[in-house]
Structures are given as C-alpha cells and as structure tokens.
C-alpha cells in the first residue's frame, strides 16, 4: 500500500481509514493477489456471526473443513411471492424488509442503543452492517470506509467472478 504510505494512527494497515462519527471497518489481514483459478473461501464458526478467515482456495483448507454448506440462491421475485395453501401469495419479508419469523434474541438487547433487529436477516436495500453504521447497498461503501488504491476498482471489475464456498470450521 505504498500509495497511502504508513497506516493512520491506531491502524494496523494503510488500507484502514479513521471514519469520523462512525465505527471504523476492521481489516483482519491483507491477502496476496490470487491466481486466476483460485476461488475465495470464507471460514466461519457455527453459531457465530464473525468470519474467522478469508483466503483463496488451497489444498490446506481441505484438512480444516468440518462441514461444507452450499446454498441455493433464489430470485427475489420468488421470495417476494411465496404461494400459500389457500392459493394466495405472501412475501418472506415484512414491509420494513425484515425476514418474517427470523427475530433473534440479540435484537431485543441492542434496540435501546439504536441498532434495530440486530442479527435478523433483511431484504436487499434494507441491510445495515457493522453496528448499523453502513448501508450494504451503498455503491461507495469501500471508498467511504477504506483507503483504497486507485487501481482497486479497475482490478475488481476486470476479475472474472468464480464460485464461492462458505465453510464452517470449529
């Protein structure tokens, strides 16, 4: 990250930014540029929101896998128009974008400090992240929260998208 020089005060990486009035985004590590054939691997632990690690596919990860889960993505048109037994339709989302029936206990605890329905899945366009400090759909999210090199967007838009694996680890 020669472009930005040394990290800002209190930061580990030059990529991190001190965002006034918000909780800063945290960068746990910097990844090397992957080979074109590598695919991203996100490692997490069951029952936790935290991501343990992000890397690119390597044979070493295979020894750590406890359970691998593949998800089928459904079109929003389908999720917003689910058939009911009486022949009518309903959405899986409330009018405010929250997933029906997916309330979580932590939502009750965090509401008094202004974080509404913490942990409850939300419909696109209503997803707040990082303690409700950022809007997931903000097209300038990374620019606002990080000190990105000028070449970042060019490289991201030129890289072909591959398959993604979500891996649960203990």
Protein backbone atom coordinates (compact mmCIF):
# COMPACT_ATOMS: atom_id res chain seq x y z
CA UNK A 1 0.00 0.00 0.00
CA UNK A 2 2.74 2.41 -0.95
CA UNK A 3 0.12 4.75 -2.39
CA UNK A 4 -1.09 5.79 1.08
CA UNK A 5 2.17 5.45 2.99
CA UNK A 6 2.07 4.33 6.60
CA UNK A 7 -1.14 3.27 8.34
CA UNK A 8 -3.14 6.00 10.06
CA UNK A 9 -2.69 6.36 13.82
CA UNK A 10 -4.14 3.34 15.65
CA UNK A 11 -4.48 1.27 12.48
CA UNK A 12 -2.58 -1.87 11.50
CA UNK A 13 -2.81 -1.47 7.71
CA UNK A 14 -2.59 1.53 5.37
CA UNK A 15 -5.88 0.34 3.88
CA UNK A 16 -7.79 1.15 7.09
CA UNK A 17 -9.37 4.58 7.48
CA UNK A 18 -10.41 6.58 10.53
CA UNK A 19 -14.02 7.40 9.62
CA UNK A 20 -15.23 10.28 11.78
CA UNK A 21 -18.56 9.72 13.52
CA UNK A 22 -18.74 6.01 12.66
CA UNK A 23 -17.33 2.72 13.86
CA UNK A 24 -14.37 2.03 11.57
CA UNK A 25 -14.27 -1.02 9.33
CA UNK A 26 -11.74 -3.57 10.57
CA UNK A 27 -9.25 -5.26 8.25
CA UNK A 28 -8.06 -8.54 9.83
CA UNK A 29 -5.38 -9.21 7.20
CA UNK A 30 -4.22 -8.37 3.69
CA UNK A 31 -4.42 -11.12 1.05
CA UNK A 32 -1.92 -11.73 -1.71
CA UNK A 33 -3.20 -11.38 -5.26
CA UNK A 34 -4.71 -14.79 -6.10
CA UNK A 35 -4.09 -16.85 -9.19
CA UNK A 36 -6.89 -16.59 -11.73
CA UNK A 37 -8.07 -20.13 -10.94
CA UNK A 38 -8.28 -19.61 -7.17
CA UNK A 39 -11.70 -19.10 -5.60
CA UNK A 40 -12.46 -17.21 -2.40
CA UNK A 41 -13.03 -19.24 0.75
CA UNK A 42 -14.81 -17.71 3.75
CA UNK A 43 -14.29 -19.61 7.01
CA UNK A 44 -16.72 -19.17 9.87
CA UNK A 45 -17.80 -20.99 13.02
CA UNK A 46 -21.29 -22.34 13.52
CA UNK A 47 -23.45 -20.18 15.74
CA UNK A 48 -21.34 -17.03 15.29
CA UNK A 49 -21.56 -14.01 13.02
CA UNK A 50 -17.82 -13.49 12.93
CA UNK A 51 -15.77 -14.53 9.93
CA UNK A 52 -12.69 -16.42 11.09
CA UNK A 53 -10.68 -16.07 7.91
CA UNK A 54 -10.89 -15.20 4.23
CA UNK A 55 -8.42 -16.65 1.80
CA UNK A 56 -8.21 -18.18 -1.62
CA UNK A 57 -8.70 -21.91 -2.24
CA UNK A 58 -5.75 -24.02 -1.27
CA UNK A 59 -5.46 -27.70 -0.55
CA UNK A 60 -4.51 -26.86 3.06
CA UNK A 61 -8.05 -25.70 3.79
CA UNK A 62 -9.47 -29.12 2.94
CA UNK A 63 -7.96 -30.56 6.15
CA UNK A 64 -9.74 -27.91 8.25
CA UNK A 65 -13.23 -28.35 6.84
CA UNK A 66 -15.67 -29.72 9.40
CA UNK A 67 -18.74 -29.19 7.27
CA UNK A 68 -19.20 -27.53 3.92
CA UNK A 69 -22.56 -25.96 3.12
CA UNK A 70 -23.69 -25.00 -0.35
CA UNK A 71 -26.54 -22.54 -0.66
CA UNK A 72 -29.05 -22.27 -3.47
CA UNK A 73 -29.77 -18.66 -4.29
CA UNK A 74 -33.41 -17.94 -5.11
CA UNK A 75 -34.55 -14.96 -7.19
CA UNK A 76 -36.07 -12.13 -5.14
CA UNK A 77 -39.18 -12.32 -7.34
CA UNK A 78 -39.74 -15.82 -5.96
CA UNK A 79 -39.02 -14.86 -2.33
CA UNK A 80 -41.38 -11.90 -2.52
CA UNK A 81 -44.23 -14.03 -3.88
CA UNK A 82 -44.44 -17.32 -1.96
CA UNK A 83 -47.59 -19.44 -2.53
CA UNK A 84 -49.86 -20.15 0.45
CA UNK A 85 -52.16 -23.17 0.91
CA UNK A 86 -55.27 -21.08 0.16
CA UNK A 87 -53.92 -20.07 -3.25
CA UNK A 88 -52.87 -16.56 -2.22
CA UNK A 89 -49.30 -15.31 -2.04
CA UNK A 90 -47.10 -13.67 0.60
CA UNK A 91 -43.58 -12.30 0.80
CA UNK A 92 -40.98 -13.75 3.12
CA UNK A 93 -40.23 -10.13 4.11
CA UNK A 94 -42.16 -7.68 6.27
CA UNK A 95 -42.83 -4.22 4.78
CA UNK A 96 -39.69 -2.92 6.53
CA UNK A 97 -37.52 -5.55 4.82
CA UNK A 98 -37.02 -7.86 7.82
CA UNK A 99 -37.41 -11.61 7.20
CA UNK A 100 -40.62 -12.86 8.79
CA UNK A 101 -40.12 -15.18 11.75
CA UNK A 102 -36.35 -14.66 11.90
CA UNK A 103 -36.15 -12.46 15.00
CA UNK A 104 -33.10 -13.04 17.17
CA UNK A 105 -32.64 -12.55 20.88
CA UNK A 106 -29.84 -10.00 20.43
CA UNK A 107 -32.31 -7.76 18.59
CA UNK A 108 -34.00 -7.04 21.93
CA UNK A 109 -30.71 -6.20 23.65
CA UNK A 110 -29.39 -3.81 21.00
CA UNK A 111 -32.60 -1.89 20.25
CA UNK A 112 -32.09 0.55 23.18
CA UNK A 113 -28.78 1.71 21.67
CA UNK A 114 -30.31 2.27 18.24
CA UNK A 115 -29.50 -0.99 16.47
CA UNK A 116 -32.85 -2.28 15.32
CA UNK A 117 -33.50 -6.01 14.91
CA UNK A 118 -29.83 -6.99 15.28
CA UNK A 119 -28.98 -10.27 13.59
CA UNK A 120 -32.28 -10.57 11.77
CA UNK A 121 -31.87 -11.18 8.04
CA UNK A 122 -33.08 -8.38 5.80
CA UNK A 123 -34.21 -7.86 2.24
CA UNK A 124 -31.81 -6.21 -0.20
CA UNK A 125 -31.96 -2.46 0.03
CA UNK A 126 -32.57 -2.55 3.80
CA UNK A 127 -29.34 -4.20 5.02
CA UNK A 128 -27.35 -2.21 7.52
CA UNK A 129 -23.99 -3.64 8.55
CA UNK A 130 -21.24 -3.08 11.09
CA UNK A 131 -23.39 -1.95 14.02
CA UNK A 132 -25.84 -0.22 11.63
CA UNK A 133 -23.10 2.23 10.67
CA UNK A 134 -23.04 1.37 6.96
CA UNK A 135 -25.60 0.52 4.28
CA UNK A 136 -24.62 -2.71 2.50
CA UNK A 137 -26.08 -1.40 -0.78
CA UNK A 138 -24.02 1.81 -0.73
CA UNK A 139 -22.09 1.68 -4.03
CA UNK A 140 -19.29 3.72 -2.40
CA UNK A 141 -19.12 1.63 0.81
CA UNK A 142 -15.48 0.63 0.37
CA UNK A 143 -14.43 4.12 -0.67
CA UNK A 144 -16.11 5.64 2.39
CA UNK A 145 -14.71 3.13 4.86
CA UNK A 146 -11.27 2.26 3.48
CA UNK A 147 -8.22 3.91 1.92
CA UNK A 148 -8.28 2.07 -1.40
CA UNK A 149 -5.53 2.28 -4.01
CA UNK A 150 -6.57 3.97 -7.26
CA UNK A 151 -6.28 0.69 -9.16
CA UNK A 152 -8.75 -1.14 -6.90
CA UNK A 153 -11.99 -0.63 -8.85
CA UNK A 154 -10.34 -1.32 -12.19
CA UNK A 155 -8.93 -4.62 -10.95
CA UNK A 156 -12.23 -5.67 -9.33
CA UNK A 157 -14.32 -5.03 -12.40
CA UNK A 158 -11.83 -6.86 -14.65
CA UNK A 159 -11.61 -10.02 -12.49
CA UNK A 160 -13.99 -12.76 -13.56
CA UNK A 161 -16.28 -13.97 -10.81
CA UNK A 162 -15.90 -17.56 -9.77
CA UNK A 163 -17.85 -19.82 -7.46
CA UNK A 164 -17.91 -19.08 -3.75
CA UNK A 165 -17.60 -21.54 -0.90
CA UNK A 166 -18.85 -20.90 2.61
CA UNK A 167 -17.08 -23.22 5.01
CA UNK A 168 -17.91 -23.81 8.66
CA UNK A 169 -14.93 -24.56 10.89
CA UNK A 170 -14.64 -25.39 14.59
